[in-house]
């Protein structure tokens, strides 16, 4: 997702790297384990932080609920798509 935002010009690669790096440092300093779950959560946090000025918290909650519903109705192994 970040790559698409960078390639489309919506996000600067340097700003993305700084934002993700800050999230990873914060997780490390907070004692989070060095694993894929921590990395995923940091990526999610960085994406949310970068989209905050453009997407309200309420809209994010609605989109998350839409995504979760799509995930639950998608057969295993198939791509998740939003309607």
C-alpha atoms as a PDB file:
ATOM      1  CA  UNK A   1       0.000   0.000   0.000  1.00  0.00           C
ATOM      2  CA  UNK A   2       2.805   2.410   0.887  1.00  0.00           C
ATOM      3  CA  UNK A   3       4.542   1.620  -2.394  1.00  0.00           C
ATOM      4  CA  UNK A   4       1.378   2.471  -4.321  1.00  0.00           C
ATOM      5  CA  UNK A   5       0.990   5.744  -2.413  1.00  0.00           C
ATOM      6  CA  UNK A   6       4.622   6.647  -3.149  1.00  0.00           C
ATOM      7  CA  UNK A   7       4.432   5.718  -6.851  1.00  0.00           C
ATOM      8  CA  UNK A   8       1.205   7.679  -7.282  1.00  0.00           C
ATOM      9  CA  UNK A   9       2.801  10.760  -5.724  1.00  0.00           C
ATOM     10  CA  UNK A  10       0.516  10.888  -2.688  1.00  0.00           C
ATOM     11  CA  UNK A  11       3.342  10.152  -0.254  1.00  0.00           C
ATOM     12  CA  UNK A  12       7.006  11.149  -0.371  1.00  0.00           C
ATOM     13  CA  UNK A  13       9.354   8.160   0.012  1.00  0.00           C
ATOM     14  CA  UNK A  14      11.563  10.016   2.491  1.00  0.00           C
ATOM     15  CA  UNK A  15       8.618  11.008   4.663  1.00  0.00           C
ATOM     16  CA  UNK A  16       7.372   7.402   4.557  1.00  0.00           C
ATOM     17  CA  UNK A  17      10.773   6.097   5.674  1.00  0.00           C
ATOM     18  CA  UNK A  18      10.941   8.625   8.527  1.00  0.00           C
ATOM     19  CA  UNK A  19       7.386   7.878   9.676  1.00  0.00           C
ATOM     20  CA  UNK A  20       7.859   4.108   9.592  1.00  0.00           C
ATOM     21  CA  UNK A  21      11.276   4.409  11.249  1.00  0.00           C
ATOM     22  CA  UNK A  22       9.790   6.469  14.076  1.00  0.00           C
ATOM     23  CA  UNK A  23       7.039   3.875  14.626  1.00  0.00           C
ATOM     24  CA  UNK A  24       9.610   1.057  14.683  1.00  0.00           C
ATOM     25  CA  UNK A  25      11.845   2.948  17.149  1.00  0.00           C
ATOM     26  CA  UNK A  26       8.879   3.625  19.407  1.00  0.00           C
ATOM     27  CA  UNK A  27       7.914  -0.061  19.351  1.00  0.00           C
ATOM     28  CA  UNK A  28      11.500  -1.119  20.068  1.00  0.00           C
ATOM     29  CA  UNK A  29      11.862   1.378  22.906  1.00  0.00           C
ATOM     30  CA  UNK A  30       8.568   0.119  24.321  1.00  0.00           C
ATOM     31  CA  UNK A  31       9.898  -3.439  24.441  1.00  0.00           C
ATOM     32  CA  UNK A  32       7.903  -4.854  21.520  1.00  0.00           C
ATOM     33  CA  UNK A  33       9.330  -8.103  20.138  1.00  0.00           C
ATOM     34  CA  UNK A  34      11.258  -7.958  16.863  1.00  0.00           C
ATOM     35  CA  UNK A  35       8.851  -9.974  14.726  1.00  0.00           C
ATOM     36  CA  UNK A  36       6.523  -9.670  11.757  1.00  0.00           C
ATOM     37  CA  UNK A  37       3.507  -8.771  13.890  1.00  0.00           C
ATOM     38  CA  UNK A  38       5.324  -5.777  15.393  1.00  0.00           C
ATOM     39  CA  UNK A  39       6.492  -4.694  11.939  1.00  0.00           C
ATOM     40  CA  UNK A  40       2.963  -5.025  10.532  1.00  0.00           C
ATOM     41  CA  UNK A  41       1.507  -2.963  13.365  1.00  0.00           C
ATOM     42  CA  UNK A  42       4.167  -0.281  12.830  1.00  0.00           C
ATOM     43  CA  UNK A  43       3.398  -0.163   9.110  1.00  0.00           C
ATOM     44  CA  UNK A  44      -0.304   0.163   9.887  1.00  0.00           C
ATOM     45  CA  UNK A  45       0.386   2.908  12.433  1.00  0.00           C
ATOM     46  CA  UNK A  46       2.583   4.799   9.957  1.00  0.00           C
ATOM     47  CA  UNK A  47      -0.029   4.517   7.186  1.00  0.00           C
ATOM     48  CA  UNK A  48      -2.745   5.762   9.507  1.00  0.00           C
ATOM     49  CA  UNK A  49      -0.568   8.648  10.653  1.00  0.00           C
ATOM     50  CA  UNK A  50       0.206   9.672   7.077  1.00  0.00           C
ATOM     51  CA  UNK A  51      -3.422   9.504   5.956  1.00  0.00           C
ATOM     52  CA  UNK A  52      -4.798  11.293   9.048  1.00  0.00           C
ATOM     53  CA  UNK A  53      -4.934  14.706   7.366  1.00  0.00           C
ATOM     54  CA  UNK A  54      -6.920  13.211   4.478  1.00  0.00           C
ATOM     55  CA  UNK A  55      -9.190  10.614   6.098  1.00  0.00           C
ATOM     56  CA  UNK A  56     -11.119  11.247   9.302  1.00  0.00           C
ATOM     57  CA  UNK A  57     -11.054   8.772  12.165  1.00  0.00           C
ATOM     58  CA  UNK A  58     -14.745   8.053  11.526  1.00  0.00           C
ATOM     59  CA  UNK A  59     -14.108   7.307   7.837  1.00  0.00           C
ATOM     60  CA  UNK A  60     -11.218   5.033   8.824  1.00  0.00           C
ATOM     61  CA  UNK A  61     -13.519   3.087  11.155  1.00  0.00           C
ATOM     62  CA  UNK A  62     -16.100   2.684   8.390  1.00  0.00           C
ATOM     63  CA  UNK A  63     -13.451   1.527   5.914  1.00  0.00           C
ATOM     64  CA  UNK A  64     -12.030  -0.903   8.456  1.00  0.00           C
ATOM     65  CA  UNK A  65     -15.494  -2.376   9.066  1.00  0.00           C
ATOM     66  CA  UNK A  66     -16.012  -2.684   5.287  1.00  0.00           C
ATOM     67  CA  UNK A  67     -12.627  -4.394   4.938  1.00  0.00           C
ATOM     68  CA  UNK A  68     -13.332  -6.818   7.787  1.00  0.00           C
ATOM     69  CA  UNK A  69     -16.710  -7.729   6.287  1.00  0.00           C
ATOM     70  CA  UNK A  70     -15.062  -8.340   2.903  1.00  0.00           C
ATOM     71  CA  UNK A  71     -12.348 -10.434   4.540  1.00  0.00           C
ATOM     72  CA  UNK A  72     -14.908 -12.627   6.303  1.00  0.00           C
ATOM     73  CA  UNK A  73     -16.952 -13.269   3.157  1.00  0.00           C
ATOM     74  CA  UNK A  74     -13.904 -14.082   0.977  1.00  0.00           C
ATOM     75  CA  UNK A  75     -13.037 -17.774   0.540  1.00  0.00           C
ATOM     76  CA  UNK A  76      -9.594 -18.786   1.800  1.00  0.00           C
ATOM     77  CA  UNK A  77      -6.912 -18.197  -0.805  1.00  0.00           C
ATOM     78  CA  UNK A  78      -8.945 -15.718  -2.826  1.00  0.00           C
ATOM     79  CA  UNK A  79      -8.115 -11.990  -3.011  1.00  0.00           C
ATOM     80  CA  UNK A  80     -10.136  -9.761  -0.742  1.00  0.00           C
ATOM     81  CA  UNK A  81     -12.108  -7.151  -2.660  1.00  0.00           C
ATOM     82  CA  UNK A  82     -14.310  -4.311  -1.474  1.00  0.00           C
ATOM     83  CA  UNK A  83     -17.648  -3.754  -3.156  1.00  0.00           C
END
